[in-house]
């Protein structure tokens, strides 16, 4: 199972994920986001646009490497992957 870590900012928008062990059974980033969507409705749309592509201000790292496929989210996850999802903050 992949272990998912979210930034505190994302957790503030999705308190249903706070304090949970975010271990997810998934073989791709797309499947991982679908599983998180089941736990916290609206999560997938928050990090992805209407076409299912990762939003520009969101980054996902698998075992310390940024994902390559931001469109189809097909990057594979191994059984013990460590996934980090973060949202860049902007503004003045």
C-alpha atoms as a PDB file:
ATOM      1  CA  UNK A   1       0.000   0.000   0.000  1.00  0.00           C
ATOM      2  CA  UNK A   2       1.177   3.486  -0.820  1.00  0.00           C
ATOM      3  CA  UNK A   3       1.593   5.867   2.097  1.00  0.00           C
ATOM      4  CA  UNK A   4       0.287   9.371   1.391  1.00  0.00           C
ATOM      5  CA  UNK A   5       1.345  12.587   3.118  1.00  0.00           C
ATOM      6  CA  UNK A   6      -0.560  15.813   2.532  1.00  0.00           C
ATOM      7  CA  UNK A   7       0.514  19.330   3.422  1.00  0.00           C
ATOM      8  CA  UNK A   8      -1.253  20.952   6.340  1.00  0.00           C
ATOM      9  CA  UNK A   9      -2.911  23.357   3.927  1.00  0.00           C
ATOM     10  CA  UNK A  10      -4.612  20.514   2.059  1.00  0.00           C
ATOM     11  CA  UNK A  11      -5.639  18.908   5.336  1.00  0.00           C
ATOM     12  CA  UNK A  12      -7.294  22.162   6.395  1.00  0.00           C
ATOM     13  CA  UNK A  13      -9.581  21.923   3.347  1.00  0.00           C
ATOM     14  CA  UNK A  14     -10.219  18.204   3.846  1.00  0.00           C
ATOM     15  CA  UNK A  15     -10.463  17.598   7.590  1.00  0.00           C
ATOM     16  CA  UNK A  16     -11.915  14.133   6.929  1.00  0.00           C
ATOM     17  CA  UNK A  17      -8.341  13.091   6.057  1.00  0.00           C
ATOM     18  CA  UNK A  18      -6.817  14.593   9.219  1.00  0.00           C
ATOM     19  CA  UNK A  19      -5.494  12.093  11.706  1.00  0.00           C
ATOM     20  CA  UNK A  20      -6.069   9.167   9.357  1.00  0.00           C
ATOM     21  CA  UNK A  21      -3.416   6.732   8.321  1.00  0.00           C
ATOM     22  CA  UNK A  22      -3.386   7.493   4.624  1.00  0.00           C
ATOM     23  CA  UNK A  23      -2.404   4.123   3.255  1.00  0.00           C
ATOM     24  CA  UNK A  24      -3.939   3.566  -0.149  1.00  0.00           C
ATOM     25  CA  UNK A  25      -4.121   0.536  -2.393  1.00  0.00           C
ATOM     26  CA  UNK A  26      -3.305   1.921  -5.858  1.00  0.00           C
ATOM     27  CA  UNK A  27      -1.016   1.149  -8.768  1.00  0.00           C
ATOM     28  CA  UNK A  28      -1.072   4.623 -10.344  1.00  0.00           C
ATOM     29  CA  UNK A  29      -1.463   8.231  -9.294  1.00  0.00           C
ATOM     30  CA  UNK A  30      -4.923   8.314 -10.898  1.00  0.00           C
ATOM     31  CA  UNK A  31      -6.052   5.358  -8.770  1.00  0.00           C
ATOM     32  CA  UNK A  32      -4.551   6.962  -5.672  1.00  0.00           C
ATOM     33  CA  UNK A  33      -6.512  10.189  -6.226  1.00  0.00           C
ATOM     34  CA  UNK A  34      -9.690   8.192  -6.835  1.00  0.00           C
ATOM     35  CA  UNK A  35      -9.180   6.409  -3.506  1.00  0.00           C
ATOM     36  CA  UNK A  36      -8.632   9.719  -1.697  1.00  0.00           C
ATOM     37  CA  UNK A  37     -11.775  11.067  -3.379  1.00  0.00           C
ATOM     38  CA  UNK A  38     -13.735   8.200  -1.796  1.00  0.00           C
ATOM     39  CA  UNK A  39     -12.483   9.227   1.660  1.00  0.00           C
ATOM     40  CA  UNK A  40     -12.871  12.984   1.147  1.00  0.00           C
ATOM     41  CA  UNK A  41     -15.328  13.938  -1.606  1.00  0.00           C
ATOM     42  CA  UNK A  42     -14.083  16.905  -3.619  1.00  0.00           C
ATOM     43  CA  UNK A  43     -10.407  16.131  -3.089  1.00  0.00           C
ATOM     44  CA  UNK A  44      -9.739  14.950  -6.654  1.00  0.00           C
ATOM     45  CA  UNK A  45     -11.380  18.025  -8.167  1.00  0.00           C
ATOM     46  CA  UNK A  46      -9.428  20.264  -5.815  1.00  0.00           C
ATOM     47  CA  UNK A  47      -6.099  18.917  -7.096  1.00  0.00           C
ATOM     48  CA  UNK A  48      -7.204  18.205 -10.688  1.00  0.00           C
ATOM     49  CA  UNK A  49      -8.999  20.320 -13.277  1.00  0.00           C
ATOM     50  CA  UNK A  50     -12.179  19.518 -15.217  1.00  0.00           C
ATOM     51  CA  UNK A  51     -10.218  17.342 -17.666  1.00  0.00           C
ATOM     52  CA  UNK A  52      -8.604  15.322 -14.877  1.00  0.00           C
ATOM     53  CA  UNK A  53      -5.156  16.939 -15.254  1.00  0.00           C
ATOM     54  CA  UNK A  54      -3.167  17.930 -12.212  1.00  0.00           C
ATOM     55  CA  UNK A  55      -3.659  21.625 -11.512  1.00  0.00           C
ATOM     56  CA  UNK A  56      -0.573  23.843 -12.088  1.00  0.00           C
ATOM     57  CA  UNK A  57      -0.265  24.759  -8.410  1.00  0.00           C
ATOM     58  CA  UNK A  58      -0.279  21.133  -7.203  1.00  0.00           C
ATOM     59  CA  UNK A  59       2.703  18.791  -7.165  1.00  0.00           C
ATOM     60  CA  UNK A  60       2.867  15.107  -6.388  1.00  0.00           C
ATOM     61  CA  UNK A  61       6.063  13.301  -5.500  1.00  0.00           C
ATOM     62  CA  UNK A  62       6.569   9.542  -5.458  1.00  0.00           C
ATOM     63  CA  UNK A  63       9.541   8.400  -3.398  1.00  0.00           C
ATOM     64  CA  UNK A  64      11.032  11.887  -3.656  1.00  0.00           C
ATOM     65  CA  UNK A  65      10.603  12.231  -7.438  1.00  0.00           C
ATOM     66  CA  UNK A  66       8.053  14.576  -8.995  1.00  0.00           C
ATOM     67  CA  UNK A  67       5.542  12.782 -11.199  1.00  0.00           C
ATOM     68  CA  UNK A  68       6.007  13.069 -14.956  1.00  0.00           C
ATOM     69  CA  UNK A  69       2.481  12.524 -16.299  1.00  0.00           C
ATOM     70  CA  UNK A  70       0.416  15.479 -15.109  1.00  0.00           C
ATOM     71  CA  UNK A  71      -2.322  14.791 -17.703  1.00  0.00           C
ATOM     72  CA  UNK A  72      -3.351  11.140 -17.356  1.00  0.00           C
ATOM     73  CA  UNK A  73      -1.687  10.630 -13.947  1.00  0.00           C
ATOM     74  CA  UNK A  74      -0.358   7.282 -15.110  1.00  0.00           C
ATOM     75  CA  UNK A  75       2.860   7.336 -13.066  1.00  0.00           C
ATOM     76  CA  UNK A  76       3.112   3.910 -11.411  1.00  0.00           C
ATOM     77  CA  UNK A  77       3.186   3.320  -7.685  1.00  0.00           C
ATOM     78  CA  UNK A  78       5.050   0.405  -6.208  1.00  0.00           C
ATOM     79  CA  UNK A  79       3.622  -1.463  -3.243  1.00  0.00           C
ATOM     80  CA  UNK A  80       5.511   0.581  -0.636  1.00  0.00           C
ATOM     81  CA  UNK A  81       5.521   3.963  -2.388  1.00  0.00           C
ATOM     82  CA  UNK A  82       5.699   7.123  -0.331  1.00  0.00           C
ATOM     83  CA  UNK A  83       3.570   9.814  -1.950  1.00  0.00           C
ATOM     84  CA  UNK A  84       3.655  13.485  -0.998  1.00  0.00           C
ATOM     85  CA  UNK A  85       0.963  15.837  -2.307  1.00  0.00           C
ATOM     86  CA  UNK A  86       1.439  19.550  -1.912  1.00  0.00           C
ATOM     87  CA  UNK A  87      -0.205  22.713  -3.070  1.00  0.00           C
ATOM     88  CA  UNK A  88       1.879  25.764  -3.834  1.00  0.00           C
ATOM     89  CA  UNK A  89       0.634  28.890  -2.127  1.00  0.00           C
ATOM     90  CA  UNK A  90       0.702  32.190  -3.948  1.00  0.00           C
ATOM     91  CA  UNK A  91      -0.404  35.694  -3.335  1.00  0.00           C
ATOM     92  CA  UNK A  92       0.936  38.838  -1.819  1.00  0.00           C
END
